[in-house]
């Protein structure tokens, strides 16, 4: 496939950052919470919004992050006996001190140099917008950025993939999603895309390079 006809859409959290489970563990440690208890409280509140995806209420958004976390704090106290915890934002724990995956950023830059369209496709919470932009320079790294809270749709909905293909100006078959969540990759494939399930950087880089053509030798280079 010609690289000029390939759109690479990368996820942010868990791809350009460490795994989400690692960040959630750090959050629980900072708050003195048992991870299992927090997950139960999150599930209870999430169910009120008719979904099982704990991020959907706040990255579409159906509710503000502050209101959502207030509800989680109330459930922690009422159903789990966890008092004295008043959650207001996940942003600082989610981003402060979180390391950018520079190797993957370099791979995206290399893809752009080889003619690919490179975009960010992320389910993002509104209050986190300024934080992720401190970790990477969107204008330098991406041709376009699509965030769930701005578009009103989210991965793995067909609408998100249709919009991304339209913004890239390419058919679905020429689009590739790189994401750490298997259900997002499955949604992309159902929409006619290709997908790379990101489990580690080296493997994802290898898979991405296999979709791109070899870099042509510079004109006038020694061919002996």
C-alpha atoms as a PDB file:
ATOM      1  CA  UNK A   1       0.000   0.000   0.000  1.00  0.00           C
ATOM      2  CA  UNK A   2       1.273   3.464  -0.862  1.00  0.00           C
ATOM      3  CA  UNK A   3       2.141   5.393   2.325  1.00  0.00           C
ATOM      4  CA  UNK A   4       0.437   8.482   0.900  1.00  0.00           C
ATOM      5  CA  UNK A   5      -2.740   6.419   0.946  1.00  0.00           C
ATOM      6  CA  UNK A   6      -2.365   5.261   4.536  1.00  0.00           C
ATOM      7  CA  UNK A   7      -3.822   6.998   7.589  1.00  0.00           C
ATOM      8  CA  UNK A   8      -2.383   5.954  10.940  1.00  0.00           C
ATOM      9  CA  UNK A   9      -4.615   6.932  13.855  1.00  0.00           C
ATOM     10  CA  UNK A  10      -2.940   6.417  17.233  1.00  0.00           C
ATOM     11  CA  UNK A  11      -4.584   6.242  20.628  1.00  0.00           C
ATOM     12  CA  UNK A  12      -3.098   8.313  23.468  1.00  0.00           C
ATOM     13  CA  UNK A  13      -3.494   6.683  26.896  1.00  0.00           C
ATOM     14  CA  UNK A  14      -1.764   3.310  27.040  1.00  0.00           C
ATOM     15  CA  UNK A  15       0.003   3.889  23.701  1.00  0.00           C
ATOM     16  CA  UNK A  16       1.766   7.246  23.969  1.00  0.00           C
ATOM     17  CA  UNK A  17       1.779   6.739  27.755  1.00  0.00           C
ATOM     18  CA  UNK A  18       2.342   3.780  30.122  1.00  0.00           C
ATOM     19  CA  UNK A  19      -0.515   1.249  30.450  1.00  0.00           C
ATOM     20  CA  UNK A  20      -3.723   2.572  32.005  1.00  0.00           C
ATOM     21  CA  UNK A  21      -3.592  -0.147  34.690  1.00  0.00           C
ATOM     22  CA  UNK A  22      -0.253   1.250  35.848  1.00  0.00           C
ATOM     23  CA  UNK A  23      -1.718   4.751  36.158  1.00  0.00           C
ATOM     24  CA  UNK A  24      -4.816   3.511  37.970  1.00  0.00           C
ATOM     25  CA  UNK A  25      -2.582   1.657  40.413  1.00  0.00           C
ATOM     26  CA  UNK A  26      -0.677   4.866  41.129  1.00  0.00           C
ATOM     27  CA  UNK A  27      -3.971   6.700  41.678  1.00  0.00           C
ATOM     28  CA  UNK A  28      -5.183   4.091  44.182  1.00  0.00           C
ATOM     29  CA  UNK A  29      -1.873   4.212  46.041  1.00  0.00           C
ATOM     30  CA  UNK A  30      -2.016   8.006  46.246  1.00  0.00           C
ATOM     31  CA  UNK A  31      -5.582   7.927  47.573  1.00  0.00           C
ATOM     32  CA  UNK A  32      -5.049   4.975  49.923  1.00  0.00           C
ATOM     33  CA  UNK A  33      -7.746   2.958  48.126  1.00  0.00           C
ATOM     34  CA  UNK A  34      -7.953  -0.742  47.452  1.00  0.00           C
ATOM     35  CA  UNK A  35      -8.100  -1.141  43.651  1.00  0.00           C
ATOM     36  CA  UNK A  36     -10.888  -3.718  43.886  1.00  0.00           C
ATOM     37  CA  UNK A  37     -13.037  -1.428  46.002  1.00  0.00           C
ATOM     38  CA  UNK A  38     -12.538   1.497  43.637  1.00  0.00           C
ATOM     39  CA  UNK A  39     -13.411  -0.660  40.631  1.00  0.00           C
ATOM     40  CA  UNK A  40     -16.635  -1.747  42.327  1.00  0.00           C
ATOM     41  CA  UNK A  41     -17.603   1.856  43.074  1.00  0.00           C
ATOM     42  CA  UNK A  42     -16.776   2.891  39.516  1.00  0.00           C
ATOM     43  CA  UNK A  43     -18.899   0.059  38.144  1.00  0.00           C
ATOM     44  CA  UNK A  44     -21.862   1.088  40.297  1.00  0.00           C
ATOM     45  CA  UNK A  45     -21.750   4.699  39.108  1.00  0.00           C
ATOM     46  CA  UNK A  46     -21.042   3.731  35.503  1.00  0.00           C
ATOM     47  CA  UNK A  47     -24.126   1.509  35.394  1.00  0.00           C
ATOM     48  CA  UNK A  48     -26.277   4.562  36.152  1.00  0.00           C
ATOM     49  CA  UNK A  49     -25.327   5.876  32.708  1.00  0.00           C
ATOM     50  CA  UNK A  50     -26.330   2.697  30.900  1.00  0.00           C
ATOM     51  CA  UNK A  51     -22.825   1.490  30.111  1.00  0.00           C
ATOM     52  CA  UNK A  52     -20.112  -0.808  31.441  1.00  0.00           C
ATOM     53  CA  UNK A  53     -17.255   1.375  30.164  1.00  0.00           C
ATOM     54  CA  UNK A  54     -16.124   3.419  33.162  1.00  0.00           C
ATOM     55  CA  UNK A  55     -14.721   6.205  31.017  1.00  0.00           C
ATOM     56  CA  UNK A  56     -17.764   6.746  28.798  1.00  0.00           C
ATOM     57  CA  UNK A  57     -19.697   9.003  31.211  1.00  0.00           C
ATOM     58  CA  UNK A  58     -16.856  11.530  31.349  1.00  0.00           C
ATOM     59  CA  UNK A  59     -15.181  11.338  27.929  1.00  0.00           C
ATOM     60  CA  UNK A  60     -18.295  11.897  25.779  1.00  0.00           C
ATOM     61  CA  UNK A  61     -19.194  13.548  28.208  1.00  0.00           C
ATOM     62  CA  UNK A  62     -22.487  12.588  29.805  1.00  0.00           C
ATOM     63  CA  UNK A  63     -21.478  14.242  33.089  1.00  0.00           C
ATOM     64  CA  UNK A  64     -18.636  16.451  34.280  1.00  0.00           C
ATOM     65  CA  UNK A  65     -15.645  14.727  35.797  1.00  0.00           C
ATOM     66  CA  UNK A  66     -16.199  16.523  39.114  1.00  0.00           C
ATOM     67  CA  UNK A  67     -19.837  15.403  39.337  1.00  0.00           C
ATOM     68  CA  UNK A  68     -18.936  11.850  38.341  1.00  0.00           C
ATOM     69  CA  UNK A  69     -16.185  11.586  40.949  1.00  0.00           C
ATOM     70  CA  UNK A  70     -18.492  13.049  43.606  1.00  0.00           C
ATOM     71  CA  UNK A  71     -20.880  10.184  42.873  1.00  0.00           C
ATOM     72  CA  UNK A  72     -18.002   7.689  43.130  1.00  0.00           C
ATOM     73  CA  UNK A  73     -16.982   9.193  46.491  1.00  0.00           C
ATOM     74  CA  UNK A  74     -20.550   8.844  47.750  1.00  0.00           C
ATOM     75  CA  UNK A  75     -20.690   5.177  46.711  1.00  0.00           C
ATOM     76  CA  UNK A  76     -17.332   4.518  48.364  1.00  0.00           C
ATOM     77  CA  UNK A  77     -18.708   5.876  51.631  1.00  0.00           C
ATOM     78  CA  UNK A  78     -22.231   4.401  51.465  1.00  0.00           C
ATOM     79  CA  UNK A  79     -21.450   0.932  50.102  1.00  0.00           C
ATOM     80  CA  UNK A  80     -17.830   0.295  51.057  1.00  0.00           C
ATOM     81  CA  UNK A  81     -17.322   2.258  54.263  1.00  0.00           C
ATOM     82  CA  UNK A  82     -14.536   4.346  52.723  1.00  0.00           C
ATOM     83  CA  UNK A  83     -14.845   7.793  54.287  1.00  0.00           C
ATOM     84  CA  UNK A  84     -12.654  10.852  54.142  1.00  0.00           C
ATOM     85  CA  UNK A  85     -12.081  10.457  50.390  1.00  0.00           C
ATOM     86  CA  UNK A  86     -13.419  13.242  48.203  1.00  0.00           C
ATOM     87  CA  UNK A  87     -12.297  12.751  44.635  1.00  0.00           C
ATOM     88  CA  UNK A  88     -12.355  15.850  42.425  1.00  0.00           C
ATOM     89  CA  UNK A  89     -10.151  15.063  39.404  1.00  0.00           C
ATOM     90  CA  UNK A  90      -8.101  12.244  37.950  1.00  0.00           C
ATOM     91  CA  UNK A  91      -6.115  14.561  35.700  1.00  0.00           C
ATOM     92  CA  UNK A  92      -3.131  15.215  37.945  1.00  0.00           C
ATOM     93  CA  UNK A  93      -2.606  11.544  38.797  1.00  0.00           C
ATOM     94  CA  UNK A  94      -3.248  10.569  35.192  1.00  0.00           C
ATOM     95  CA  UNK A  95      -0.646  12.930  33.727  1.00  0.00           C
ATOM     96  CA  UNK A  96       1.711  14.448  36.314  1.00  0.00           C
ATOM     97  CA  UNK A  97       4.972  12.546  36.165  1.00  0.00           C
ATOM     98  CA  UNK A  98       3.622  10.198  33.498  1.00  0.00           C
ATOM     99  CA  UNK A  99       6.277   9.403  30.934  1.00  0.00           C
ATOM    100  CA  UNK A 100       5.671   9.967  27.235  1.00  0.00           C
ATOM    101  CA  UNK A 101       6.358   6.927  25.052  1.00  0.00           C
ATOM    102  CA  UNK A 102       9.035   8.673  22.998  1.00  0.00           C
ATOM    103  CA  UNK A 103       9.825   5.558  20.978  1.00  0.00           C
ATOM    104  CA  UNK A 104       6.251   5.417  19.689  1.00  0.00           C
ATOM    105  CA  UNK A 105       6.236   9.154  19.002  1.00  0.00           C
ATOM    106  CA  UNK A 106       9.382   8.638  16.932  1.00  0.00           C
ATOM    107  CA  UNK A 107       7.649   5.839  15.017  1.00  0.00           C
ATOM    108  CA  UNK A 108       4.757   8.174  14.203  1.00  0.00           C
ATOM    109  CA  UNK A 109       7.167  10.854  12.999  1.00  0.00           C
ATOM    110  CA  UNK A 110       8.865   8.260  10.793  1.00  0.00           C
ATOM    111  CA  UNK A 111       5.485   7.260   9.345  1.00  0.00           C
ATOM    112  CA  UNK A 112       4.775  10.891   8.439  1.00  0.00           C
ATOM    113  CA  UNK A 113       8.161  11.198   6.752  1.00  0.00           C
ATOM    114  CA  UNK A 114       7.246   8.158   4.683  1.00  0.00           C
ATOM    115  CA  UNK A 115       4.071   9.867   3.485  1.00  0.00           C
ATOM    116  CA  UNK A 116       1.453   8.566   5.898  1.00  0.00           C
ATOM    117  CA  UNK A 117      -1.272  10.723   7.395  1.00  0.00           C
ATOM    118  CA  UNK A 118      -0.870  10.500  11.186  1.00  0.00           C
ATOM    119  CA  UNK A 119      -3.658  11.423  13.593  1.00  0.00           C
ATOM    120  CA  UNK A 120      -4.613  11.131  17.258  1.00  0.00           C
ATOM    121  CA  UNK A 121      -7.898   9.316  17.929  1.00  0.00           C
ATOM    122  CA  UNK A 122      -8.664   9.305  21.635  1.00  0.00           C
ATOM    123  CA  UNK A 123     -11.524   8.974  24.088  1.00  0.00           C
ATOM    124  CA  UNK A 124     -10.551  12.032  26.112  1.00  0.00           C
ATOM    125  CA  UNK A 125     -12.043  13.759  29.160  1.00  0.00           C
ATOM    126  CA  UNK A 126     -12.501  17.552  28.673  1.00  0.00           C
ATOM    127  CA  UNK A 127     -10.588  18.467  31.840  1.00  0.00           C
ATOM    128  CA  UNK A 128      -7.622  16.389  30.659  1.00  0.00           C
ATOM    129  CA  UNK A 129      -7.158  18.309  27.409  1.00  0.00           C
ATOM    130  CA  UNK A 130      -4.484  20.723  28.590  1.00  0.00           C
ATOM    131  CA  UNK A 131      -2.604  17.937  30.394  1.00  0.00           C
ATOM    132  CA  UNK A 132      -1.983  15.615  27.440  1.00  0.00           C
ATOM    133  CA  UNK A 133      -0.921  18.567  25.286  1.00  0.00           C
ATOM    134  CA  UNK A 134       1.951  19.167  27.707  1.00  0.00           C
ATOM    135  CA  UNK A 135       3.260  15.668  26.974  1.00  0.00           C
ATOM    136  CA  UNK A 136       3.429  15.985  23.182  1.00  0.00           C
ATOM    137  CA  UNK A 137       3.244  18.783  20.623  1.00  0.00           C
ATOM    138  CA  UNK A 138       0.082  18.020  18.591  1.00  0.00           C
ATOM    139  CA  UNK A 139       1.026  20.324  15.719  1.00  0.00           C
ATOM    140  CA  UNK A 140       4.427  18.676  15.341  1.00  0.00           C
ATOM    141  CA  UNK A 141       3.288  15.071  15.736  1.00  0.00           C
ATOM    142  CA  UNK A 142      -0.171  14.865  14.146  1.00  0.00           C
ATOM    143  CA  UNK A 143      -1.948  15.880  10.964  1.00  0.00           C
ATOM    144  CA  UNK A 144      -5.252  15.924  12.856  1.00  0.00           C
ATOM    145  CA  UNK A 145      -6.623  15.296  16.353  1.00  0.00           C
ATOM    146  CA  UNK A 146     -10.042  13.772  17.080  1.00  0.00           C
ATOM    147  CA  UNK A 147     -11.156  13.667  20.719  1.00  0.00           C
ATOM    148  CA  UNK A 148     -14.391  12.110  21.948  1.00  0.00           C
ATOM    149  CA  UNK A 149     -15.505  15.078  24.042  1.00  0.00           C
ATOM    150  CA  UNK A 150     -15.247  17.333  20.987  1.00  0.00           C
ATOM    151  CA  UNK A 151     -16.851  15.006  18.448  1.00  0.00           C
ATOM    152  CA  UNK A 152     -19.666  13.642  20.641  1.00  0.00           C
ATOM    153  CA  UNK A 153     -18.797  10.086  19.610  1.00  0.00           C
ATOM    154  CA  UNK A 154     -16.143   7.711  20.870  1.00  0.00           C
ATOM    155  CA  UNK A 155     -14.295   4.544  20.050  1.00  0.00           C
ATOM    156  CA  UNK A 156     -15.417   1.892  19.270  1.00  0.00           C
ATOM    157  CA  UNK A 157     -18.558   3.477  17.770  1.00  0.00           C
ATOM    158  CA  UNK A 158     -18.818   3.356  13.961  1.00  0.00           C
ATOM    159  CA  UNK A 159     -19.388   7.118  13.918  1.00  0.00           C
ATOM    160  CA  UNK A 160     -15.944   7.829  15.353  1.00  0.00           C
ATOM    161  CA  UNK A 161     -14.221   5.741  12.699  1.00  0.00           C
ATOM    162  CA  UNK A 162     -16.339   7.183   9.891  1.00  0.00           C
ATOM    163  CA  UNK A 163     -15.437  10.718  10.984  1.00  0.00           C
ATOM    164  CA  UNK A 164     -11.739   9.879  11.238  1.00  0.00           C
ATOM    165  CA  UNK A 165     -11.655   8.375   7.737  1.00  0.00           C
ATOM    166  CA  UNK A 166     -13.468  11.438   6.402  1.00  0.00           C
ATOM    167  CA  UNK A 167     -11.014  13.805   8.098  1.00  0.00           C
ATOM    168  CA  UNK A 168      -8.088  11.858   6.651  1.00  0.00           C
ATOM    169  CA  UNK A 169      -9.693  11.951   3.219  1.00  0.00           C
ATOM    170  CA  UNK A 170      -9.203   8.221   2.784  1.00  0.00           C
ATOM    171  CA  UNK A 171     -11.412   5.129   2.544  1.00  0.00           C
ATOM    172  CA  UNK A 172     -11.727   2.927   5.649  1.00  0.00           C
ATOM    173  CA  UNK A 173      -9.470   0.241   4.147  1.00  0.00           C
ATOM    174  CA  UNK A 174      -6.622   2.773   4.061  1.00  0.00           C
ATOM    175  CA  UNK A 175      -6.998   3.622   7.769  1.00  0.00           C
ATOM    176  CA  UNK A 176      -5.153   1.934  10.635  1.00  0.00           C
ATOM    177  CA  UNK A 177      -6.011   2.216  14.339  1.00  0.00           C
ATOM    178  CA  UNK A 178      -3.270   1.642  16.905  1.00  0.00           C
ATOM    179  CA  UNK A 179      -4.899   1.092  20.291  1.00  0.00           C
ATOM    180  CA  UNK A 180      -4.175  -0.749  23.535  1.00  0.00           C
ATOM    181  CA  UNK A 181      -7.808  -1.862  23.984  1.00  0.00           C
ATOM    182  CA  UNK A 182      -8.875  -4.940  22.041  1.00  0.00           C
ATOM    183  CA  UNK A 183     -12.516  -3.853  21.778  1.00  0.00           C
ATOM    184  CA  UNK A 184     -11.478  -0.591  20.109  1.00  0.00           C
ATOM    185  CA  UNK A 185      -9.405  -2.549  17.597  1.00  0.00           C
ATOM    186  CA  UNK A 186     -12.367  -4.843  16.959  1.00  0.00           C
ATOM    187  CA  UNK A 187     -14.593  -1.819  16.383  1.00  0.00           C
ATOM    188  CA  UNK A 188     -12.112  -0.420  13.882  1.00  0.00           C
ATOM    189  CA  UNK A 189     -11.952  -3.697  11.989  1.00  0.00           C
ATOM    190  CA  UNK A 190     -15.753  -3.900  11.953  1.00  0.00           C
ATOM    191  CA  UNK A 191     -15.708  -0.444  10.320  1.00  0.00           C
ATOM    192  CA  UNK A 192     -13.441  -1.737   7.566  1.00  0.00           C
ATOM    193  CA  UNK A 193     -10.171  -0.475   9.048  1.00  0.00           C
ATOM    194  CA  UNK A 194      -6.942  -2.272   9.805  1.00  0.00           C
ATOM    195  CA  UNK A 195      -5.891  -2.391  13.457  1.00  0.00           C
ATOM    196  CA  UNK A 196      -2.735  -2.868  15.487  1.00  0.00           C
ATOM    197  CA  UNK A 197      -3.456  -4.019  19.034  1.00  0.00           C
ATOM    198  CA  UNK A 198      -0.770  -2.213  21.020  1.00  0.00           C
ATOM    199  CA  UNK A 199       0.735  -4.512  23.648  1.00  0.00           C
ATOM    200  CA  UNK A 200       4.322  -3.266  23.534  1.00  0.00           C
ATOM    201  CA  UNK A 201       6.168  -0.617  21.571  1.00  0.00           C
ATOM    202  CA  UNK A 202       8.630  -2.821  19.702  1.00  0.00           C
ATOM    203  CA  UNK A 203       5.923  -5.111  18.333  1.00  0.00           C
ATOM    204  CA  UNK A 204       3.671  -2.205  17.336  1.00  0.00           C
ATOM    205  CA  UNK A 205       6.544  -0.447  15.559  1.00  0.00           C
ATOM    206  CA  UNK A 206       7.325  -3.633  13.641  1.00  0.00           C
ATOM    207  CA  UNK A 207       3.689  -4.071  12.633  1.00  0.00           C
ATOM    208  CA  UNK A 208       3.395  -0.442  11.557  1.00  0.00           C
ATOM    209  CA  UNK A 209       6.598  -0.578   9.518  1.00  0.00           C
ATOM    210  CA  UNK A 210       5.254  -3.632   7.694  1.00  0.00           C
ATOM    211  CA  UNK A 211       2.361  -1.503   6.428  1.00  0.00           C
ATOM    212  CA  UNK A 212       4.663   1.231   5.125  1.00  0.00           C
ATOM    213  CA  UNK A 213       6.880   0.986   2.046  1.00  0.00           C
ATOM    214  CA  UNK A 214      10.639   0.960   2.280  1.00  0.00           C
ATOM    215  CA  UNK A 215      12.220   4.397   2.364  1.00  0.00           C
ATOM    216  CA  UNK A 216      13.595   5.064  -1.144  1.00  0.00           C
ATOM    217  CA  UNK A 217      17.313   5.613  -1.494  1.00  0.00           C
ATOM    218  CA  UNK A 218      18.249   9.311  -1.916  1.00  0.00           C
ATOM    219  CA  UNK A 219      18.842  10.384  -5.486  1.00  0.00           C
ATOM    220  CA  UNK A 220      22.500  10.157  -6.379  1.00  0.00           C
ATOM    221  CA  UNK A 221      23.253   7.735  -3.545  1.00  0.00           C
ATOM    222  CA  UNK A 222      26.084   5.253  -4.098  1.00  0.00           C
ATOM    223  CA  UNK A 223      24.515   2.103  -5.507  1.00  0.00           C
ATOM    224  CA  UNK A 224      27.690   0.030  -5.575  1.00  0.00           C
END
